[in-house]
Amino acid sequence: MLSAVYKSSKKADTYLFIEKRDDFSKVPAPLMSTFGTPIYVMLVDLAKRERLGVADLSLVKEKLIEQGFYLQIPPPQENLLDEFKKLNGAKSD
């Protein structure tokens, strides 16, 4: 299973996996607007991969089959102040 991978021109560490290179027809217009101009990264054969960097390989495959694309967004950043407060028994706001 081949997938073209693009990075977002607007959102850091955000990637879009699609079935065919330069075919964004299955990606909703609002998502493309938020994503910005796609910047081609690579073509990857998901069948030959055991894992992907951050994304769950089986979920990527599933979403490509179901909806024709997969959006990889970075995990939420932890709030270091809240973590510090929690470790020291202080209440968070």
N, C-alpha and C. Protein backbone atom coordinates (compact mmCIF):
# COMPACT_ATOMS: atom_id res chain seq x y z
N MET A 1 0.85 -1.17 0.00
CA MET A 1 0.00 0.00 0.00
C MET A 1 0.90 1.24 0.00
N LEU A 2 0.83 2.00 -1.08
CA LEU A 2 1.62 3.22 -1.21
C LEU A 2 0.85 4.41 -0.68
N SER A 3 1.57 5.35 -0.11
CA SER A 3 0.97 6.59 0.38
C SER A 3 1.94 7.74 0.14
N ALA A 4 1.38 8.85 -0.35
CA ALA A 4 2.17 10.07 -0.49
C ALA A 4 2.03 10.86 0.80
N VAL A 5 3.13 11.40 1.27
CA VAL A 5 3.15 12.13 2.53
C VAL A 5 3.50 13.59 2.26
N TYR A 6 2.72 14.48 2.85
CA TYR A 6 2.92 15.92 2.70
C TYR A 6 2.98 16.56 4.07
N LYS A 7 3.80 17.61 4.20
CA LYS A 7 3.81 18.36 5.45
C LYS A 7 3.05 19.66 5.23
N SER A 8 2.52 20.18 6.32
CA SER A 8 1.73 21.40 6.28
C SER A 8 2.62 22.63 6.18
N SER A 9 2.17 23.60 5.40
CA SER A 9 2.90 24.87 5.32
C SER A 9 2.46 25.82 6.43
N LYS A 10 1.39 25.46 7.14
CA LYS A 10 0.86 26.33 8.20
C LYS A 10 1.05 25.78 9.61
N LYS A 11 1.05 24.46 9.76
CA LYS A 11 1.08 23.84 11.08
C LYS A 11 2.34 23.00 11.25
N ALA A 12 3.12 23.29 12.26
CA ALA A 12 4.36 22.56 12.52
C ALA A 12 4.07 21.10 12.85
N ASP A 13 4.90 20.21 12.37
CA ASP A 13 4.84 18.78 12.68
C ASP A 13 3.48 18.15 12.33
N THR A 14 2.84 18.67 11.29
CA THR A 14 1.55 18.15 10.84
C THR A 14 1.73 17.57 9.44
N TYR A 15 1.30 16.33 9.27
CA TYR A 15 1.51 15.61 8.01
C TYR A 15 0.20 15.02 7.51
N LEU A 16 0.07 14.96 6.19
CA LEU A 16 -1.10 14.40 5.55
C LEU A 16 -0.66 13.23 4.67
N PHE A 17 -1.25 12.07 4.91
CA PHE A 17 -1.00 10.88 4.11
C PHE A 17 -2.18 10.73 3.15
N ILE A 18 -1.91 10.58 1.86
CA ILE A 18 -2.98 10.37 0.88
C ILE A 18 -2.64 9.17 0.01
N GLU A 19 -3.65 8.67 -0.70
CA GLU A 19 -3.47 7.45 -1.49
C GLU A 19 -2.63 7.66 -2.75
N LYS A 20 -2.81 8.79 -3.42
CA LYS A 20 -2.09 9.07 -4.66
C LYS A 20 -1.42 10.43 -4.58
N ARG A 21 -0.25 10.51 -5.11
CA ARG A 21 0.49 11.77 -5.08
C ARG A 21 -0.30 12.86 -5.80
N ASP A 22 -0.42 14.00 -5.14
CA ASP A 22 -1.09 15.20 -5.64
C ASP A 22 -2.59 15.04 -5.88
N ASP A 23 -3.22 14.01 -5.34
CA ASP A 23 -4.67 13.83 -5.46
C ASP A 23 -5.31 14.09 -4.10
N PHE A 24 -5.75 15.33 -3.92
CA PHE A 24 -6.34 15.74 -2.65
C PHE A 24 -7.87 15.74 -2.70
N SER A 25 -8.44 15.06 -3.68
CA SER A 25 -9.88 15.08 -3.89
C SER A 25 -10.68 14.50 -2.72
N LYS A 26 -10.11 13.61 -1.94
CA LYS A 26 -10.83 13.01 -0.81
C LYS A 26 -10.63 13.77 0.50
N VAL A 27 -9.78 14.78 0.47
CA VAL A 27 -9.51 15.57 1.68
C VAL A 27 -10.52 16.73 1.73
N PRO A 28 -11.26 16.87 2.82
CA PRO A 28 -12.25 17.96 2.93
C PRO A 28 -11.61 19.34 2.75
N ALA A 29 -12.33 20.22 2.07
CA ALA A 29 -11.84 21.58 1.80
C ALA A 29 -11.46 22.35 3.06
N PRO A 30 -12.26 22.29 4.15
CA PRO A 30 -11.86 23.01 5.36
C PRO A 30 -10.51 22.52 5.93
N LEU A 31 -10.28 21.21 5.82
CA LEU A 31 -9.00 20.66 6.29
C LEU A 31 -7.86 21.19 5.43
N MET A 32 -8.06 21.21 4.12
CA MET A 32 -7.01 21.70 3.21
C MET A 32 -6.73 23.18 3.48
N SER A 33 -7.76 23.93 3.79
CA SER A 33 -7.59 25.36 4.09
C SER A 33 -6.74 25.55 5.34
N THR A 34 -7.02 24.76 6.37
CA THR A 34 -6.26 24.83 7.62
C THR A 34 -4.84 24.30 7.44
N PHE A 35 -4.71 23.26 6.64
CA PHE A 35 -3.42 22.60 6.40
C PHE A 35 -2.47 23.51 5.63
N GLY A 36 -3.02 24.31 4.72
CA GLY A 36 -2.19 25.18 3.90
C GLY A 36 -1.70 24.47 2.66
N THR A 37 -0.75 25.06 1.99
CA THR A 37 -0.19 24.46 0.78
C THR A 37 0.60 23.22 1.17
N PRO A 38 0.21 22.06 0.65
CA PRO A 38 0.93 20.82 0.99
C PRO A 38 2.35 20.83 0.39
N ILE A 39 3.29 20.42 1.19
CA ILE A 39 4.69 20.31 0.73
C ILE A 39 5.04 18.83 0.68
N TYR A 40 5.31 18.35 -0.52
CA TYR A 40 5.59 16.92 -0.71
C TYR A 40 6.84 16.52 0.07
N VAL A 41 6.71 15.39 0.80
CA VAL A 41 7.83 14.88 1.59
C VAL A 41 8.37 13.59 0.98
N MET A 42 7.49 12.60 0.78
CA MET A 42 7.95 11.32 0.26
C MET A 42 6.78 10.42 -0.13
N LEU A 43 7.11 9.38 -0.85
CA LEU A 43 6.18 8.30 -1.15
C LEU A 43 6.64 7.11 -0.32
N VAL A 44 5.74 6.54 0.45
CA VAL A 44 6.13 5.46 1.35
C VAL A 44 5.26 4.23 1.09
N ASP A 45 5.89 3.06 1.11
CA ASP A 45 5.18 1.79 0.96
C ASP A 45 4.85 1.29 2.36
N LEU A 46 3.60 1.47 2.76
CA LEU A 46 3.19 1.10 4.12
C LEU A 46 3.21 -0.40 4.34
N ALA A 47 3.09 -1.18 3.26
CA ALA A 47 3.11 -2.63 3.38
C ALA A 47 4.49 -3.15 3.81
N LYS A 48 5.53 -2.39 3.50
CA LYS A 48 6.89 -2.82 3.83
C LYS A 48 7.39 -2.23 5.14
N ARG A 49 6.55 -1.46 5.80
CA ARG A 49 6.93 -0.84 7.06
C ARG A 49 6.43 -1.65 8.24
N GLU A 50 7.19 -1.68 9.30
CA GLU A 50 6.75 -2.29 10.54
C GLU A 50 6.20 -1.23 11.48
N ARG A 51 6.67 0.00 11.31
CA ARG A 51 6.19 1.12 12.12
C ARG A 51 6.49 2.43 11.41
N LEU A 52 5.82 3.46 11.86
CA LEU A 52 6.08 4.82 11.38
C LEU A 52 6.60 5.63 12.56
N GLY A 53 7.19 6.78 12.28
CA GLY A 53 7.76 7.59 13.33
C GLY A 53 6.83 7.81 14.52
N VAL A 54 5.81 8.64 14.35
CA VAL A 54 4.92 8.98 15.45
C VAL A 54 3.55 8.32 15.28
N ALA A 55 3.15 8.13 14.04
CA ALA A 55 1.80 7.62 13.76
C ALA A 55 1.70 6.11 13.96
N ASP A 56 0.51 5.65 14.28
CA ASP A 56 0.19 4.23 14.41
C ASP A 56 -0.02 3.68 13.01
N LEU A 57 0.84 2.78 12.57
CA LEU A 57 0.81 2.26 11.21
C LEU A 57 -0.54 1.65 10.85
N SER A 58 -1.12 0.85 11.73
CA SER A 58 -2.41 0.22 11.43
C SER A 58 -3.52 1.25 11.31
N LEU A 59 -3.47 2.31 12.11
CA LEU A 59 -4.46 3.38 12.02
C LEU A 59 -4.32 4.15 10.72
N VAL A 60 -3.10 4.40 10.30
CA VAL A 60 -2.86 5.10 9.03
C VAL A 60 -3.46 4.29 7.88
N LYS A 61 -3.18 3.00 7.85
CA LYS A 61 -3.72 2.13 6.80
C LYS A 61 -5.25 2.13 6.83
N GLU A 62 -5.81 2.00 8.01
CA GLU A 62 -7.27 1.95 8.18
C GLU A 62 -7.92 3.23 7.65
N LYS A 63 -7.37 4.37 8.03
CA LYS A 63 -7.95 5.65 7.62
C LYS A 63 -7.78 5.88 6.11
N LEU A 64 -6.67 5.44 5.55
CA LEU A 64 -6.49 5.56 4.10
C LEU A 64 -7.55 4.76 3.35
N ILE A 65 -7.85 3.56 3.85
CA ILE A 65 -8.86 2.72 3.21
C ILE A 65 -10.26 3.31 3.40
N GLU A 66 -10.57 3.74 4.62
CA GLU A 66 -11.90 4.27 4.95
C GLU A 66 -12.22 5.62 4.32
N GLN A 67 -11.28 6.57 4.45
CA GLN A 67 -11.59 7.93 4.03
C GLN A 67 -10.65 8.50 2.97
N GLY A 68 -9.60 7.76 2.63
CA GLY A 68 -8.70 8.21 1.57
C GLY A 68 -7.58 9.13 2.02
N PHE A 69 -7.51 9.41 3.31
CA PHE A 69 -6.42 10.25 3.83
C PHE A 69 -6.26 9.98 5.33
N TYR A 70 -5.10 10.40 5.85
CA TYR A 70 -4.84 10.34 7.28
C TYR A 70 -4.10 11.60 7.66
N LEU A 71 -4.56 12.28 8.69
CA LEU A 71 -3.92 13.50 9.17
C LEU A 71 -3.15 13.18 10.44
N GLN A 72 -1.85 13.43 10.42
CA GLN A 72 -1.01 13.22 11.60
C GLN A 72 -0.72 14.58 12.22
N ILE A 73 -1.19 14.76 13.45
CA ILE A 73 -0.93 16.00 14.16
C ILE A 73 -0.02 15.70 15.35
N PRO A 74 0.75 16.70 15.78
CA PRO A 74 1.65 16.45 16.90
C PRO A 74 0.86 16.26 18.20
N PRO A 75 1.41 15.48 19.12
CA PRO A 75 0.73 15.32 20.41
C PRO A 75 0.68 16.66 21.13
N PRO A 76 -0.32 16.85 21.98
CA PRO A 76 -0.43 18.13 22.70
C PRO A 76 0.79 18.34 23.60
N GLN A 77 1.20 19.58 23.68
CA GLN A 77 2.34 19.89 24.54
C GLN A 77 1.90 19.85 26.00
N GLU A 78 2.75 19.30 26.83
CA GLU A 78 2.43 19.27 28.24
C GLU A 78 2.70 20.65 28.85
N ASN A 79 1.89 20.99 29.81
CA ASN A 79 2.06 22.24 30.51
C ASN A 79 3.02 21.99 31.67
N LEU A 80 4.24 22.45 31.52
CA LEU A 80 5.27 22.17 32.52
C LEU A 80 4.96 22.81 33.88
N LEU A 81 4.28 23.97 33.87
CA LEU A 81 3.93 24.61 35.13
C LEU A 81 2.92 23.75 35.89
N ASP A 82 1.90 23.23 35.17
CA ASP A 82 0.92 22.36 35.83
C ASP A 82 1.58 21.09 36.36
N GLU A 83 2.49 20.52 35.60
CA GLU A 83 3.20 19.32 36.06
C GLU A 83 4.02 19.62 37.33
N PHE A 84 4.68 20.77 37.33
CA PHE A 84 5.46 21.18 38.50
C PHE A 84 4.57 21.34 39.72
N LYS A 85 3.41 22.01 39.52
CA LYS A 85 2.48 22.21 40.62
C LYS A 85 1.96 20.88 41.15
N LYS A 86 1.64 19.97 40.25
CA LYS A 86 1.12 18.67 40.65
C LYS A 86 2.16 17.90 41.46
N LEU A 87 3.40 17.96 41.03
CA LEU A 87 4.48 17.24 41.74
C LEU A 87 4.72 17.83 43.14
N ASN A 88 4.43 19.12 43.27
CA ASN A 88 4.70 19.79 44.56
C ASN A 88 3.44 20.03 45.38
N GLY A 89 2.34 19.40 45.00
CA GLY A 89 1.13 19.46 45.79
C GLY A 89 0.35 20.77 45.70
N ALA A 90 0.69 21.62 44.76
CA ALA A 90 -0.05 22.89 44.61
C ALA A 90 -1.24 22.68 43.68
N LYS A 91 -2.25 23.52 43.83
CA LYS A 91 -3.43 23.43 42.99
C LYS A 91 -3.18 24.12 41.66
N SER A 92 -3.74 23.53 40.59
CA SER A 92 -3.69 24.16 39.27
C SER A 92 -4.83 25.14 39.16
N ASP A 93 -4.68 26.12 38.28
CA ASP A 93 -5.74 27.11 38.06
C ASP A 93 -6.94 26.53 37.38
